[in-house]
């Protein structure tokens, strides 16, 4: 589940992002694989560990930043950068002006 929040920047907000995406992942609906975190001394969900790995210096502007993550008993929550300009795959296909692909977006990504 993804939520997109456009937020004004506050002086106390330590990240220079104008908006964030909050991704909520159920632990029941996934095969929760865990990897050793490169920034924490414990195993974390694989998606979190991989985001932490690609967010290590040098940071590339074309890689979405993991701002924070939270581990709850039945789910984990990722707060991710939502760069501007940016469009998700569903909006890209909805706004595509020429011939639309016949394959639904979720099948294109093989999720």
C-alpha atoms as a PDB file:
ATOM      1  CA  UNK A   1       0.000   0.000   0.000  1.00  0.00           C
ATOM      2  CA  UNK A   2       1.449   3.391  -0.997  1.00  0.00           C
ATOM      3  CA  UNK A   3       0.500   6.839   0.250  1.00  0.00           C
ATOM      4  CA  UNK A   4       1.858  10.043  -1.218  1.00  0.00           C
ATOM      5  CA  UNK A   5       2.118  13.076   1.049  1.00  0.00           C
ATOM      6  CA  UNK A   6       3.062  16.518  -0.230  1.00  0.00           C
ATOM      7  CA  UNK A   7       4.359  18.350   2.806  1.00  0.00           C
ATOM      8  CA  UNK A   8       5.761  21.822   3.257  1.00  0.00           C
ATOM      9  CA  UNK A   9       9.311  21.914   4.458  1.00  0.00           C
ATOM     10  CA  UNK A  10       9.689  22.728   8.130  1.00  0.00           C
ATOM     11  CA  UNK A  11      12.945  24.014   9.581  1.00  0.00           C
ATOM     12  CA  UNK A  12      13.097  21.113  12.034  1.00  0.00           C
ATOM     13  CA  UNK A  13      12.503  18.538   9.265  1.00  0.00           C
ATOM     14  CA  UNK A  14      16.051  17.265   8.594  1.00  0.00           C
ATOM     15  CA  UNK A  15      15.431  16.108   5.007  1.00  0.00           C
ATOM     16  CA  UNK A  16      15.193  18.411   1.965  1.00  0.00           C
ATOM     17  CA  UNK A  17      12.201  16.585   0.428  1.00  0.00           C
ATOM     18  CA  UNK A  18       9.001  18.363  -0.509  1.00  0.00           C
ATOM     19  CA  UNK A  19       6.954  15.186  -0.476  1.00  0.00           C
ATOM     20  CA  UNK A  20       7.260  11.630   0.700  1.00  0.00           C
ATOM     21  CA  UNK A  21       5.752   8.282  -0.124  1.00  0.00           C
ATOM     22  CA  UNK A  22       4.760   5.989   2.716  1.00  0.00           C
ATOM     23  CA  UNK A  23       4.855   2.321   1.804  1.00  0.00           C
ATOM     24  CA  UNK A  24       3.161  -0.152   4.135  1.00  0.00           C
ATOM     25  CA  UNK A  25       4.107  -3.800   3.670  1.00  0.00           C
ATOM     26  CA  UNK A  26       2.204  -6.563   5.430  1.00  0.00           C
ATOM     27  CA  UNK A  27       4.434  -9.253   6.877  1.00  0.00           C
ATOM     28  CA  UNK A  28       1.683 -11.815   6.338  1.00  0.00           C
ATOM     29  CA  UNK A  29       1.346 -11.218   2.597  1.00  0.00           C
ATOM     30  CA  UNK A  30       5.052 -11.451   1.818  1.00  0.00           C
ATOM     31  CA  UNK A  31       7.723 -14.062   2.218  1.00  0.00           C
ATOM     32  CA  UNK A  32       9.569 -11.969   4.752  1.00  0.00           C
ATOM     33  CA  UNK A  33      13.223 -12.425   3.918  1.00  0.00           C
ATOM     34  CA  UNK A  34      15.729 -10.751   6.194  1.00  0.00           C
ATOM     35  CA  UNK A  35      19.256  -9.488   5.503  1.00  0.00           C
ATOM     36  CA  UNK A  36      21.922  -8.017   7.715  1.00  0.00           C
ATOM     37  CA  UNK A  37      21.533  -4.252   7.679  1.00  0.00           C
ATOM     38  CA  UNK A  38      24.538  -2.187   6.589  1.00  0.00           C
ATOM     39  CA  UNK A  39      23.584   0.576   9.077  1.00  0.00           C
ATOM     40  CA  UNK A  40      22.039  -1.350  11.974  1.00  0.00           C
ATOM     41  CA  UNK A  41      23.514  -4.273  13.861  1.00  0.00           C
ATOM     42  CA  UNK A  42      20.631  -6.625  13.154  1.00  0.00           C
ATOM     43  CA  UNK A  43      18.731  -8.378  10.394  1.00  0.00           C
ATOM     44  CA  UNK A  44      16.019  -6.286   8.774  1.00  0.00           C
ATOM     45  CA  UNK A  45      13.470  -6.993   5.995  1.00  0.00           C
ATOM     46  CA  UNK A  46      15.307  -7.487   2.698  1.00  0.00           C
ATOM     47  CA  UNK A  47      13.633  -4.474   1.081  1.00  0.00           C
ATOM     48  CA  UNK A  48      14.821  -2.241   3.914  1.00  0.00           C
ATOM     49  CA  UNK A  49      18.376  -3.648   3.841  1.00  0.00           C
ATOM     50  CA  UNK A  50      18.606  -3.169   0.070  1.00  0.00           C
ATOM     51  CA  UNK A  51      17.329   0.422   0.326  1.00  0.00           C
ATOM     52  CA  UNK A  52      19.896   1.066   3.055  1.00  0.00           C
ATOM     53  CA  UNK A  53      22.642  -0.381   0.846  1.00  0.00           C
ATOM     54  CA  UNK A  54      21.851   1.811  -2.156  1.00  0.00           C
ATOM     55  CA  UNK A  55      21.525   4.869   0.110  1.00  0.00           C
ATOM     56  CA  UNK A  56      25.128   4.568   1.338  1.00  0.00           C
ATOM     57  CA  UNK A  57      27.612   7.205   0.121  1.00  0.00           C
ATOM     58  CA  UNK A  58      28.170   8.161  -2.538  1.00  0.00           C
ATOM     59  CA  UNK A  59      24.463   8.997  -2.851  1.00  0.00           C
ATOM     60  CA  UNK A  60      23.133   9.146  -6.399  1.00  0.00           C
ATOM     61  CA  UNK A  61      20.371  11.651  -7.196  1.00  0.00           C
ATOM     62  CA  UNK A  62      18.518   9.102  -9.368  1.00  0.00           C
ATOM     63  CA  UNK A  63      18.046   6.623  -6.505  1.00  0.00           C
ATOM     64  CA  UNK A  64      15.072   7.209  -4.232  1.00  0.00           C
ATOM     65  CA  UNK A  65      16.167   7.795  -0.642  1.00  0.00           C
ATOM     66  CA  UNK A  66      14.892   5.797   2.306  1.00  0.00           C
ATOM     67  CA  UNK A  67      14.154   8.481   4.882  1.00  0.00           C
ATOM     68  CA  UNK A  68      12.989   6.248   7.742  1.00  0.00           C
ATOM     69  CA  UNK A  69      11.456   2.862   8.385  1.00  0.00           C
ATOM     70  CA  UNK A  70       9.402   1.349  11.196  1.00  0.00           C
ATOM     71  CA  UNK A  71       9.033  -2.285  12.215  1.00  0.00           C
ATOM     72  CA  UNK A  72       5.634  -3.229  13.629  1.00  0.00           C
ATOM     73  CA  UNK A  73       4.404  -6.706  14.635  1.00  0.00           C
ATOM     74  CA  UNK A  74       2.315  -7.322  11.489  1.00  0.00           C
ATOM     75  CA  UNK A  75       3.851  -4.869   9.004  1.00  0.00           C
ATOM     76  CA  UNK A  76       6.742  -2.593   8.284  1.00  0.00           C
ATOM     77  CA  UNK A  77       6.498   0.979   7.074  1.00  0.00           C
ATOM     78  CA  UNK A  78       8.939   2.751   4.780  1.00  0.00           C
ATOM     79  CA  UNK A  79       9.058   6.520   4.388  1.00  0.00           C
ATOM     80  CA  UNK A  80      10.625   7.222   1.001  1.00  0.00           C
ATOM     81  CA  UNK A  81      11.606  10.309  -0.917  1.00  0.00           C
ATOM     82  CA  UNK A  82       9.120  11.308  -3.621  1.00  0.00           C
ATOM     83  CA  UNK A  83      11.271  13.304  -6.049  1.00  0.00           C
ATOM     84  CA  UNK A  84       9.877  16.047  -8.225  1.00  0.00           C
ATOM     85  CA  UNK A  85       9.239  15.522 -11.077  1.00  0.00           C
ATOM     86  CA  UNK A  86       8.155  11.957 -10.537  1.00  0.00           C
ATOM     87  CA  UNK A  87       5.285   9.789 -11.652  1.00  0.00           C
ATOM     88  CA  UNK A  88       4.336   6.282 -10.604  1.00  0.00           C
ATOM     89  CA  UNK A  89       3.784   3.568 -13.193  1.00  0.00           C
ATOM     90  CA  UNK A  90      -0.031   3.655 -12.902  1.00  0.00           C
ATOM     91  CA  UNK A  91      -0.164   7.407 -13.597  1.00  0.00           C
ATOM     92  CA  UNK A  92       2.355   7.025 -16.405  1.00  0.00           C
ATOM     93  CA  UNK A  93       0.111   4.501 -18.178  1.00  0.00           C
ATOM     94  CA  UNK A  94      -3.039   6.519 -17.434  1.00  0.00           C
ATOM     95  CA  UNK A  95      -1.483   9.643 -18.981  1.00  0.00           C
ATOM     96  CA  UNK A  96       0.234   7.875 -21.874  1.00  0.00           C
ATOM     97  CA  UNK A  97      -0.954   9.793 -24.983  1.00  0.00           C
ATOM     98  CA  UNK A  98      -0.146   7.358 -27.784  1.00  0.00           C
ATOM     99  CA  UNK A  99      -0.982   3.669 -28.105  1.00  0.00           C
ATOM    100  CA  UNK A 100      -1.580   2.228 -24.677  1.00  0.00           C
ATOM    101  CA  UNK A 101       0.147  -1.009 -23.804  1.00  0.00           C
ATOM    102  CA  UNK A 102      -2.164  -3.994 -23.548  1.00  0.00           C
ATOM    103  CA  UNK A 103      -0.338  -5.394 -20.539  1.00  0.00           C
ATOM    104  CA  UNK A 104      -1.553  -4.119 -17.133  1.00  0.00           C
ATOM    105  CA  UNK A 105       1.106  -2.191 -15.163  1.00  0.00           C
ATOM    106  CA  UNK A 106       1.400  -4.821 -12.412  1.00  0.00           C
ATOM    107  CA  UNK A 107       2.315  -7.420 -15.037  1.00  0.00           C
ATOM    108  CA  UNK A 108       4.923  -5.161 -16.631  1.00  0.00           C
ATOM    109  CA  UNK A 109       6.827  -5.023 -13.340  1.00  0.00           C
ATOM    110  CA  UNK A 110       6.337  -8.745 -12.588  1.00  0.00           C
ATOM    111  CA  UNK A 111       5.555  -7.945  -8.965  1.00  0.00           C
END
